[in-house]
Structure formats: structure tokens, C-alpha cells
Amino acid sequence: MIKLANVVVSLMDFKPVYENPVEIVERKGTGHPDTICDNLAEELSVALCKLYLEEFGFVQHHNVDKALLVGGVADPKFKGGEIITPIEIYLVGRAIKEKDGKPLPVDELAIEVAKKWLRENIRNLDPEKHVIITPKIRPGSKDLVELFERFAKKGEVPLANDTSFAVGYAPFDDLEKVVYNTERYLNSAEFKKEHPYLGEDIKVMGVRLGDKIRITIAAAFVDKFVDNVDDYLAKKEIVKQKALENAAKYTDKEVEIFVNTADNPADGSVYITVTGTSAEAGDDGQVGRGNRPNGLITPYRPMTLEAAAGKNPVSHVGKIYSAVANIIANRVVNEIEEIEEAYCYMVSQIGKPITEPQACDVKVRTKRDIKGIEELIKKIAEEEIAQIPDIWKGYVEKKFTVA
């Protein structure tokens, strides 16, 4: 393992987020239009990696990170409505589309994996009837393809295809745990089995004011499982109580939960949908507008605007470093008892080996002198940086999230 002079360790000289008087955390759930776009772009990237491995023996250059969802038109009604105009999804990007002059089924693959993901994750949406999927995938630019092939064919350390930065931190605080796990719980297979009336488009906004946590949930209900306004209100109360019980697992703080606060039951205006997602009529979506790679949107924490979904996992450093920075931060916290909190910032330089970041800045919070643990932290960072050339396998195996 090579010692890297640009791994820097320093103490945090600012208050912890969880001690500030106010904190905000958001998560957009599985069925949110932005999260759908992120997942479809990533599914396509994974499928392309597998195709290229089979055809060429190595992952070829691609970036399919520009997905757009155009919402449809729907007429939801108690006991069941209908989709009037289907959702349109455009899968856009760059990829190698031929081998030795023969076309590869890239467009067909894009449609196939998108329909499969929608079928498996949005239970009440029929991808054959409710969605039109249009691939718009073109060959990559000559210079970036050549940069990729410079190392791919030789089995060398990949060269960064961009000058990008990424950040990671650990551990989640109470508000982050509550927000993340509220959505995961409400969108779990177990919850849906008992409560099929709740759709997958669940957005959770958490606000901490002092020691009190307020959770606002926007959740699309599925109309065919709801008889009338009274039935809707009863089921909404169940969701609220279940979410409260679940939140208590992650914090001792006082928690208030609000569900679908825009409802106006007196006028019969409540949040019901045909498919369980606002994409059917109420909202559009795009890659990179939702959760960061750690699954949250955290304005009080370090964040990057990097859209990891759909980017190639071999040389696109914005994606690669997002995983590595979080791994480093988590290892530092979990393996060094004295560390209470860790942030990790990494930045690349285009054309340079991905194992040579311009800087890897690890900031830690600890009650003891950093001199006693600085070398341990550097060792962890250097170990993970040395393993970066294999990170792509974790993305192909879906060990890392992008949203």
C-alpha cells in the first residue's frame, strides 16, 4: 500500500449538526419521480456493465445519467380510477453501441430493465400500459472513449474521466435515522403486505427544533384500496401511528408526525392516486434532483450536487468517490473508538489515476489528542483508496446505493 501525501487528517472546529438549534433532513422515497429516474439510470448502467463484460471482457465507456420522467394524466377515484395519458420516460446518455461493426442491443436493454424495475418496485403501475419508455442513447465522444480504452484494455488503474469531488460522513444522527428509516419502513414489503393502500411515492421531510422532531410525510394512497373519505382518513391515521412507533426505535426525542397535510377532507380533496406515484399526473422527475448517494438530502451536512446514478462505475470519480468517502468515514467511526464523527472529502483530476486523488481530507470529532490516532485514520483512508479500482464491482452487484 502506497503512502499518500495528500491524505490530510484534521479536527472538526465547528459544532455538531445535532447540537444546532435547527436541522433539516429529507428523503424522497422509491416511487418519487426523481428517485424513479435515479434508479432507472442506475439499472441501465448495471445492465450495460454486464453486457460489456460478456461481449468485451471489460466494462466499456458509458454514462447514462440523464433520465427524464414526464408525468402523465390520471383520474383517480375512490375504489379505482384510470390513467388517461401515460407517463413518458426518456433514458438519455452515452454508450458503446456496437462491436466489430455489429450493433449491440443497448436500446432494447434500456427498455427491458426499466420495465422490470417499474414492475418490481411500483406495484400498481403497469409498465406496458401506463408508461412509454424512449431511449436516447448515443456513442460517447472520441476523446473520452479513448481515455477509457487507454487503461481498460491494458488492465491498468483507471484514469479519472472528470475533475469531480465527493463527500461522505458518519454516523447518521437521530433526525437522519428517523427520516431514512421512516421511508424504508413504509416502503418495505412487509408494510405493503399489510397495508396495500399505501403507494410507493413517499417523501419524508424532517425538521428538528431543539429536542423536538417534526416529520412531514407526503404519501400517495392507491385509490382502489380506499372506499371513501372516511376510509382514507382512517387509513391515514394508521400510517401515522405506525410511523410513530417505528421512529421511536431511532430516537429518544419527542417526535410529531404529519401525513398529507394538504388534504381538504371537507371538499373530498385527498391524496389518492391510481398507481401509487405522483408521476401519473402530479409531478415530473429527473436524475440528480433527489437523494444523495447516502440516501438523504442534508442541507446542514456537506453535500455534493454529483448525480451518481447511471454514471460508469469504473472511471467516473464523482460516483466512485461518493462510495469511497462514505466507506472511509464509516470505517473511521466504527474502528476507532475515540472518534465520535467523521467527514471525508475527496477530489480527483481528469486523466490522473483514480487511486491518486488531489486531496483526501478526513475531518474527525474526538475528545482526545488527534496525534495519537492520526496515523490510524490515514491508514484506513489509504487502504480504501488502494481498493478503488475494484469499486465498480460493488456497483454492479448493487452493494452501493445511488439514491
Protein backbone atom coordinates (compact mmCIF):
# COMPACT_ATOMS: atom_id res chain seq x y z
CA MET A 1 0.00 0.00 0.00
CA ILE A 2 1.41 3.37 -1.07
CA LYS A 3 1.58 6.21 1.45
CA LEU A 4 -0.30 9.21 0.06
CA ALA A 5 0.94 12.67 1.00
CA ASN A 6 -2.42 14.19 0.07
CA VAL A 7 -4.39 12.35 2.77
CA VAL A 8 -4.97 15.02 5.41
CA VAL A 9 -6.47 14.47 8.85
CA SER A 10 -7.76 17.33 10.97
CA LEU A 11 -10.10 18.05 13.86
CA MET A 12 -13.58 19.47 13.30
CA ASP A 13 -13.63 23.03 14.60
CA PHE A 14 -17.39 23.53 14.38
CA LYS A 15 -20.42 22.43 16.41
CA PRO A 16 -22.04 19.09 15.58
CA VAL A 17 -25.13 19.41 13.38
CA TYR A 18 -27.18 17.64 16.01
CA GLU A 19 -26.36 20.36 18.56
CA ASN A 20 -27.57 23.21 16.34
CA PRO A 21 -30.97 24.68 17.23
CA VAL A 22 -32.42 23.69 13.84
CA GLU A 23 -31.76 20.82 11.43
CA ILE A 24 -33.48 19.74 8.22
CA VAL A 25 -33.29 16.33 6.52
CA GLU A 26 -35.26 14.99 3.55
CA ARG A 27 -35.67 11.68 1.75
CA LYS A 28 -37.55 11.05 -1.49
CA GLY A 29 -38.94 7.52 -1.49
CA THR A 30 -38.91 4.73 -4.05
CA GLY A 31 -41.90 5.97 -6.05
CA HIS A 32 -40.95 9.65 -6.17
CA PRO A 33 -40.42 10.68 -9.83
CA ASP A 34 -36.84 11.84 -9.15
CA THR A 35 -35.98 8.59 -7.37
CA ILE A 36 -37.54 6.58 -10.19
CA CYS A 37 -35.23 8.37 -12.64
CA ASP A 38 -32.18 7.72 -10.46
CA ASN A 39 -32.97 4.03 -10.19
CA LEU A 40 -33.75 3.53 -13.87
CA ALA A 41 -30.49 5.23 -14.89
CA GLU A 42 -28.53 3.04 -12.47
CA GLU A 43 -30.29 -0.14 -13.58
CA LEU A 44 -29.29 0.66 -17.15
CA SER A 45 -25.66 1.27 -16.15
CA VAL A 46 -25.53 -2.05 -14.32
CA ALA A 47 -27.06 -3.84 -17.31
CA LEU A 48 -24.55 -2.20 -19.67
CA CYS A 49 -21.66 -3.26 -17.44
CA LYS A 50 -22.85 -6.86 -17.62
CA LEU A 51 -23.35 -6.66 -21.38
CA TYR A 52 -19.86 -5.24 -21.93
CA LEU A 53 -18.24 -7.81 -19.66
CA GLU A 54 -19.89 -10.55 -21.69
CA GLU A 55 -19.06 -9.03 -25.09
CA PHE A 56 -15.64 -7.43 -24.49
CA GLY A 57 -14.34 -8.88 -21.24
CA PHE A 58 -14.24 -5.45 -19.60
CA VAL A 59 -16.64 -2.60 -18.89
CA GLN A 60 -16.79 -0.13 -21.74
CA HIS A 61 -17.18 3.64 -21.53
CA HIS A 62 -20.72 4.80 -20.82
CA ASN A 63 -22.63 7.48 -18.95
CA VAL A 64 -26.40 7.07 -18.98
CA ASP A 65 -27.12 9.55 -16.24
CA LYS A 66 -29.66 11.83 -17.94
CA ALA A 67 -33.09 10.31 -17.35
CA LEU A 68 -36.23 12.45 -17.55
CA LEU A 69 -39.74 11.50 -16.46
CA VAL A 70 -42.67 13.43 -17.92
CA GLY A 71 -45.73 12.94 -15.75
CA GLY A 72 -48.92 11.59 -17.24
CA VAL A 73 -52.58 12.43 -16.76
CA ALA A 74 -54.77 10.42 -14.38
CA ASP A 75 -58.29 10.40 -12.98
CA PRO A 76 -58.06 8.83 -9.51
CA LYS A 77 -61.34 7.90 -7.80
CA PHE A 78 -62.29 6.07 -4.63
CA LYS A 79 -62.43 2.30 -5.32
CA GLY A 80 -60.41 2.80 -8.52
CA GLY A 81 -59.73 5.39 -11.21
CA GLU A 82 -57.84 5.31 -14.51
CA ILE A 83 -54.75 6.54 -16.30
CA ILE A 84 -55.71 8.82 -19.17
CA THR A 85 -52.29 9.75 -20.59
CA PRO A 86 -49.28 7.52 -19.86
CA ILE A 87 -46.07 8.58 -18.16
CA GLU A 88 -43.16 9.18 -20.55
CA ILE A 89 -39.62 8.26 -19.55
CA TYR A 90 -36.55 9.25 -21.57
CA LEU A 91 -33.32 7.38 -20.87
CA VAL A 92 -30.53 9.56 -22.20
CA GLY A 93 -26.76 9.20 -22.26
CA ARG A 94 -23.67 7.89 -23.98
CA ALA A 95 -22.64 4.28 -24.50
CA ILE A 96 -20.76 1.93 -26.84
CA LYS A 97 -23.45 0.57 -29.15
CA GLU A 98 -21.54 -1.76 -31.46
CA LYS A 99 -18.84 -4.41 -31.53
CA ASP A 100 -16.80 -5.04 -34.66
CA GLY A 101 -19.34 -3.14 -36.72
CA LYS A 102 -22.31 -5.10 -35.37
CA PRO A 103 -24.94 -3.31 -33.25
CA LEU A 104 -25.39 -4.16 -29.59
CA PRO A 105 -28.95 -4.23 -28.15
CA VAL A 106 -28.45 -1.15 -25.98
CA ASP A 107 -31.82 0.48 -26.66
CA GLU A 108 -33.68 -2.79 -26.19
CA LEU A 109 -31.81 -3.34 -22.93
CA ALA A 110 -32.76 0.13 -21.70
CA ILE A 111 -36.46 -0.57 -22.21
CA GLU A 112 -36.25 -4.06 -20.74
CA VAL A 113 -34.51 -3.11 -17.48
CA ALA A 114 -36.72 -0.05 -16.98
CA LYS A 115 -39.90 -2.09 -17.29
CA LYS A 116 -38.51 -4.76 -14.99
CA TRP A 117 -37.63 -2.22 -12.26
CA LEU A 118 -41.01 -0.49 -12.52
CA ARG A 119 -42.86 -3.80 -12.38
CA GLU A 120 -40.93 -4.91 -9.28
CA ASN A 121 -40.97 -1.61 -7.38
CA ILE A 122 -44.18 0.28 -8.23
CA ARG A 123 -46.78 -2.42 -7.56
CA ASN A 124 -49.84 -0.77 -9.09
CA LEU A 125 -48.17 0.65 -12.17
CA ASP A 126 -48.32 -1.45 -15.34
CA PRO A 127 -45.22 -0.58 -17.43
CA GLU A 128 -46.90 -1.97 -20.55
CA LYS A 129 -49.96 0.29 -20.29
CA HIS A 130 -49.02 3.21 -18.05
CA VAL A 131 -45.54 4.10 -19.33
CA ILE A 132 -43.84 4.93 -22.62
CA ILE A 133 -40.06 4.41 -22.43
CA THR A 134 -37.87 6.10 -25.02
CA PRO A 135 -34.09 5.51 -25.09
CA LYS A 136 -31.98 8.36 -26.46
CA ILE A 137 -28.51 6.85 -26.17
CA ARG A 138 -25.68 7.97 -28.45
CA PRO A 139 -21.99 6.99 -28.78
CA GLY A 140 -19.54 8.75 -26.45
CA SER A 141 -17.16 11.48 -27.54
CA LYS A 142 -13.96 10.22 -29.14
CA ASP A 143 -11.63 11.73 -26.53
CA LEU A 144 -13.46 10.23 -23.54
CA VAL A 145 -13.77 6.82 -25.20
CA GLU A 146 -10.04 6.85 -25.96
CA LEU A 147 -9.25 7.93 -22.38
CA PHE A 148 -11.30 4.98 -21.14
CA GLU A 149 -9.67 2.48 -23.51
CA ARG A 150 -6.22 3.71 -22.54
CA PHE A 151 -6.45 1.73 -19.30
CA ALA A 152 -9.36 -0.68 -19.82
CA LYS A 153 -7.70 -2.83 -22.49
CA LYS A 154 -4.42 -2.95 -20.57
CA GLY A 155 -5.92 -3.78 -17.18
CA GLU A 156 -4.27 -0.73 -15.66
CA VAL A 157 -5.56 1.57 -12.90
CA PRO A 158 -8.42 3.58 -14.43
CA LEU A 159 -7.88 7.23 -15.22
CA ALA A 160 -10.37 9.77 -13.88
CA ASN A 161 -12.76 10.86 -16.62
CA ASP A 162 -13.62 14.09 -14.82
CA THR A 163 -12.41 16.53 -12.21
CA SER A 164 -15.03 15.96 -9.51
CA PHE A 165 -15.39 15.90 -5.77
CA ALA A 166 -17.41 13.77 -3.40
CA VAL A 167 -18.16 13.77 0.32
CA GLY A 168 -19.15 11.24 2.93
CA TYR A 169 -19.89 11.34 6.64
CA ALA A 170 -20.72 9.08 9.56
CA PRO A 171 -22.65 8.33 11.62
CA PHE A 172 -26.22 9.40 10.93
CA ASP A 173 -27.69 11.44 13.79
CA ASP A 174 -31.16 10.89 15.26
CA LEU A 175 -33.05 13.02 12.72
CA GLU A 176 -31.26 11.39 9.80
CA LYS A 177 -32.01 7.92 11.15
CA VAL A 178 -35.69 8.74 11.66
CA VAL A 179 -36.14 10.24 8.18
CA TYR A 180 -34.27 7.48 6.36
CA ASN A 181 -35.91 4.62 8.24
CA THR A 182 -39.41 6.09 8.09
CA GLU A 183 -39.40 5.88 4.30
CA ARG A 184 -37.69 2.48 4.27
CA TYR A 185 -40.25 1.11 6.73
CA LEU A 186 -43.32 2.48 4.94
CA ASN A 187 -41.99 1.20 1.60
CA SER A 188 -40.98 -2.22 2.93
CA ALA A 189 -42.57 -5.37 1.50
CA GLU A 190 -43.79 -6.28 4.98
CA PHE A 191 -45.65 -2.97 5.42
CA LYS A 192 -47.16 -3.11 1.94
CA LYS A 193 -48.40 -6.65 2.53
CA GLU A 194 -50.49 -5.49 5.49
CA HIS A 195 -51.29 -2.02 4.14
CA PRO A 196 -51.63 -2.30 0.32
CA TYR A 197 -53.43 1.06 0.16
CA LEU A 198 -50.15 2.94 0.63
CA GLY A 199 -48.28 3.68 -2.59
CA GLU A 200 -44.53 3.93 -3.14
CA ASP A 201 -44.31 7.69 -3.65
CA ILE A 202 -43.44 8.62 -0.07
CA LYS A 203 -41.47 11.79 0.66
CA VAL A 204 -40.29 12.38 4.21
CA MET A 205 -39.22 15.81 5.46
CA GLY A 206 -37.71 16.01 8.91
CA VAL A 207 -37.22 19.18 10.94
CA ARG A 208 -35.62 19.26 14.36
CA LEU A 209 -36.31 22.30 16.51
CA GLY A 210 -34.22 21.92 19.65
CA ASP A 211 -35.07 18.47 21.01
CA LYS A 212 -38.34 18.10 19.11
CA ILE A 213 -38.57 16.31 15.76
CA ARG A 214 -41.35 17.08 13.26
CA ILE A 215 -41.80 14.59 10.42
CA THR A 216 -43.99 15.53 7.46
CA ILE A 217 -44.88 12.63 5.18
CA ALA A 218 -46.33 13.07 1.70
CA ALA A 219 -47.65 9.62 0.78
CA ALA A 220 -49.63 8.66 -2.30
CA PHE A 221 -52.52 6.34 -1.45
CA VAL A 222 -53.77 3.83 -4.03
CA ASP A 223 -57.39 4.65 -4.87
CA LYS A 224 -58.68 1.12 -5.49
CA PHE A 225 -57.93 0.22 -1.86
CA VAL A 226 -59.77 3.26 -0.44
CA ASP A 227 -63.60 3.31 -0.28
CA ASN A 228 -64.31 6.93 0.63
CA VAL A 229 -63.01 9.95 2.57
CA ASP A 230 -63.68 8.39 5.95
CA ASP A 231 -61.86 5.21 4.96
CA TYR A 232 -58.96 7.32 3.69
CA LEU A 233 -58.73 9.26 6.95
CA ALA A 234 -58.79 6.05 9.00
CA LYS A 235 -56.01 4.54 6.93
CA LYS A 236 -54.01 7.75 7.07
CA GLU A 237 -54.19 7.61 10.86
CA ILE A 238 -52.86 4.05 10.77
CA VAL A 239 -49.88 5.20 8.69
CA LYS A 240 -49.22 8.00 11.17
CA GLN A 241 -49.32 5.71 14.21
CA LYS A 242 -47.16 3.04 12.58
CA ALA A 243 -44.61 5.66 11.57
CA LEU A 244 -44.54 6.99 15.14
CA GLU A 245 -43.92 3.51 16.54
CA ASN A 246 -41.11 2.97 14.07
CA ALA A 247 -39.50 6.37 14.77
CA ALA A 248 -39.22 5.50 18.47
CA LYS A 249 -36.66 2.83 17.51
CA TYR A 250 -34.23 5.51 16.34
CA THR A 251 -34.53 8.36 18.81
CA ASP A 252 -35.48 9.22 22.38
CA LYS A 253 -36.51 12.71 21.31
CA GLU A 254 -40.14 13.80 21.08
CA VAL A 255 -41.47 13.08 17.58
CA GLU A 256 -44.54 14.54 15.87
CA ILE A 257 -45.70 13.07 12.58
CA PHE A 258 -47.96 14.71 10.00
CA VAL A 259 -49.30 12.88 6.94
CA ASN A 260 -50.58 14.54 3.76
CA THR A 261 -51.13 17.97 5.29
CA ALA A 262 -52.51 19.41 2.04
CA ASP A 263 -55.66 17.27 2.30
CA ASN A 264 -59.03 19.01 2.50
CA PRO A 265 -61.42 16.22 3.52
CA ALA A 266 -64.43 18.54 3.70
CA ASP A 267 -64.18 19.06 -0.05
CA GLY A 268 -63.17 15.45 -0.74
CA SER A 269 -59.69 16.57 -1.76
CA VAL A 270 -57.23 13.92 -0.55
CA TYR A 271 -54.01 12.40 -1.87
CA ILE A 272 -55.17 9.33 -3.81
CA THR A 273 -53.59 8.01 -6.99
CA VAL A 274 -54.25 5.17 -9.40
CA THR A 275 -50.69 3.84 -9.38
CA GLY A 276 -49.17 4.91 -6.05
CA THR A 277 -46.91 7.57 -7.57
CA SER A 278 -47.44 11.24 -8.35
CA ALA A 279 -45.67 10.57 -11.66
CA GLU A 280 -49.05 9.56 -13.06
CA ALA A 281 -50.25 13.17 -13.02
CA GLY A 282 -48.83 15.43 -10.33
CA ASP A 283 -45.08 15.58 -10.83
CA ASP A 284 -42.18 15.07 -13.22
CA GLY A 285 -38.73 13.69 -12.45
CA GLN A 286 -35.07 13.92 -13.33
CA VAL A 287 -31.79 12.26 -12.33
CA GLY A 288 -29.81 14.09 -9.65
CA ARG A 289 -32.66 16.12 -8.14
CA GLY A 290 -33.27 13.78 -5.24
CA ASN A 291 -31.35 11.87 -2.60
CA ARG A 292 -27.56 11.99 -2.45
CA PRO A 293 -25.70 8.65 -2.66
CA ASN A 294 -26.15 8.09 1.10
CA GLY A 295 -29.93 8.16 0.62
CA LEU A 296 -30.64 11.56 2.15
CA ILE A 297 -30.78 15.26 1.32
CA THR A 298 -28.93 17.04 4.14
CA PRO A 299 -28.52 20.83 3.79
CA TYR A 300 -26.80 21.04 7.19
CA ARG A 301 -24.15 18.47 6.18
CA PRO A 302 -21.50 18.54 3.45
CA MET A 303 -23.10 17.55 0.15
CA THR A 304 -22.19 17.38 -3.50
CA LEU A 305 -24.51 18.02 -6.44
CA GLU A 306 -22.97 14.98 -8.15
CA ALA A 307 -25.61 12.72 -9.71
CA ALA A 308 -24.10 9.27 -9.24
CA ALA A 309 -26.93 7.32 -10.86
CA GLY A 310 -26.16 5.99 -14.34
CA LYS A 311 -22.53 7.07 -14.48
CA ASN A 312 -19.97 4.43 -15.33
CA PRO A 313 -18.59 2.92 -12.12
CA VAL A 314 -15.08 2.29 -13.47
CA SER A 315 -13.68 5.77 -14.04
CA HIS A 316 -16.35 8.33 -13.17
CA VAL A 317 -14.83 9.66 -9.99
CA GLY A 318 -17.90 11.59 -8.85
CA LYS A 319 -19.64 8.24 -8.49
CA ILE A 320 -16.64 6.23 -7.28
CA TYR A 321 -15.50 8.73 -4.67
CA SER A 322 -19.07 9.04 -3.34
CA ALA A 323 -18.89 5.39 -2.28
CA VAL A 324 -15.30 5.56 -1.05
CA ALA A 325 -15.76 8.74 1.01
CA ASN A 326 -18.69 7.16 2.85
CA ILE A 327 -16.76 3.92 3.40
CA ILE A 328 -13.80 5.82 4.85
CA ALA A 329 -15.99 7.91 7.16
CA ASN A 330 -17.85 4.85 8.42
CA ARG A 331 -14.67 2.83 8.99
CA VAL A 332 -13.05 5.68 10.92
CA VAL A 333 -16.06 5.95 13.23
CA ASN A 334 -16.61 2.22 13.67
CA GLU A 335 -12.98 1.13 14.05
CA ILE A 336 -11.52 3.92 16.19
CA GLU A 337 -13.33 4.07 19.50
CA GLU A 338 -12.36 7.66 20.27
CA ILE A 339 -13.92 9.07 17.08
CA GLU A 340 -17.45 10.43 17.51
CA GLU A 341 -17.96 11.69 13.97
CA ALA A 342 -16.08 11.79 10.66
CA TYR A 343 -16.37 13.71 7.40
CA CYS A 344 -14.44 12.73 4.27
CA TYR A 345 -13.91 14.95 1.22
CA MET A 346 -12.23 13.64 -1.96
CA VAL A 347 -11.38 15.37 -5.25
CA SER A 348 -9.96 13.99 -8.49
CA GLN A 349 -8.16 15.37 -11.52
CA ILE A 350 -9.18 14.30 -15.02
CA GLY A 351 -6.71 11.98 -16.71
CA LYS A 352 -4.95 11.01 -13.48
CA PRO A 353 -5.24 7.53 -11.86
CA ILE A 354 -8.36 7.25 -9.72
CA THR A 355 -6.13 5.99 -6.88
CA GLU A 356 -4.40 9.38 -6.78
CA PRO A 357 -6.95 11.92 -5.56
CA GLN A 358 -5.75 15.51 -5.46
CA ALA A 359 -6.85 15.52 -1.83
CA CYS A 360 -8.50 13.22 0.66
CA ASP A 361 -9.49 15.37 3.64
CA VAL A 362 -10.71 13.48 6.69
CA LYS A 363 -12.14 15.62 9.46
CA VAL A 364 -12.92 13.99 12.80
CA ARG A 365 -14.56 14.84 16.09
CA THR A 366 -12.84 13.38 19.13
CA LYS A 367 -12.27 14.24 22.76
CA ARG A 368 -8.62 13.22 22.70
CA ASP A 369 -5.47 14.48 21.00
CA ILE A 370 -5.55 13.71 17.28
CA LYS A 371 -1.83 12.92 17.25
CA GLY A 372 -2.48 9.57 18.85
CA ILE A 373 -4.88 8.41 16.12
CA GLU A 374 -3.88 10.37 13.03
CA GLU A 375 -1.86 7.51 11.56
CA LEU A 376 -4.71 5.05 12.11
CA ILE A 377 -7.08 7.34 10.20
CA LYS A 378 -4.59 7.79 7.36
CA LYS A 379 -4.10 4.03 7.17
CA ILE A 380 -7.85 3.46 6.76
CA ALA A 381 -8.06 6.11 4.02
CA GLU A 382 -5.04 4.71 2.18
CA GLU A 383 -6.42 1.16 2.36
CA GLU A 384 -9.71 2.20 0.80
CA ILE A 385 -8.07 4.37 -1.85
CA ALA A 386 -5.88 1.42 -2.85
CA GLN A 387 -9.04 -0.66 -3.41
CA ILE A 388 -10.74 1.92 -5.62
CA PRO A 389 -10.07 0.01 -8.89
CA ASP A 390 -12.45 -2.72 -7.63
CA ILE A 391 -15.26 -0.37 -6.54
CA TRP A 392 -17.10 -0.88 -9.83
CA LYS A 393 -17.84 -4.48 -8.85
CA GLY A 394 -19.78 -3.24 -5.82
CA TYR A 395 -21.96 -1.08 -8.06
CA VAL A 396 -22.59 -3.95 -10.48
CA GLU A 397 -23.52 -6.18 -7.53
CA LYS A 398 -25.73 -3.37 -6.16
CA LYS A 399 -23.88 -3.14 -2.86
CA PHE A 400 -23.84 0.67 -3.10
CA THR A 401 -26.86 2.93 -3.37
CA VAL A 402 -27.08 5.93 -5.67
CA ALA A 403 -30.23 7.41 -4.14
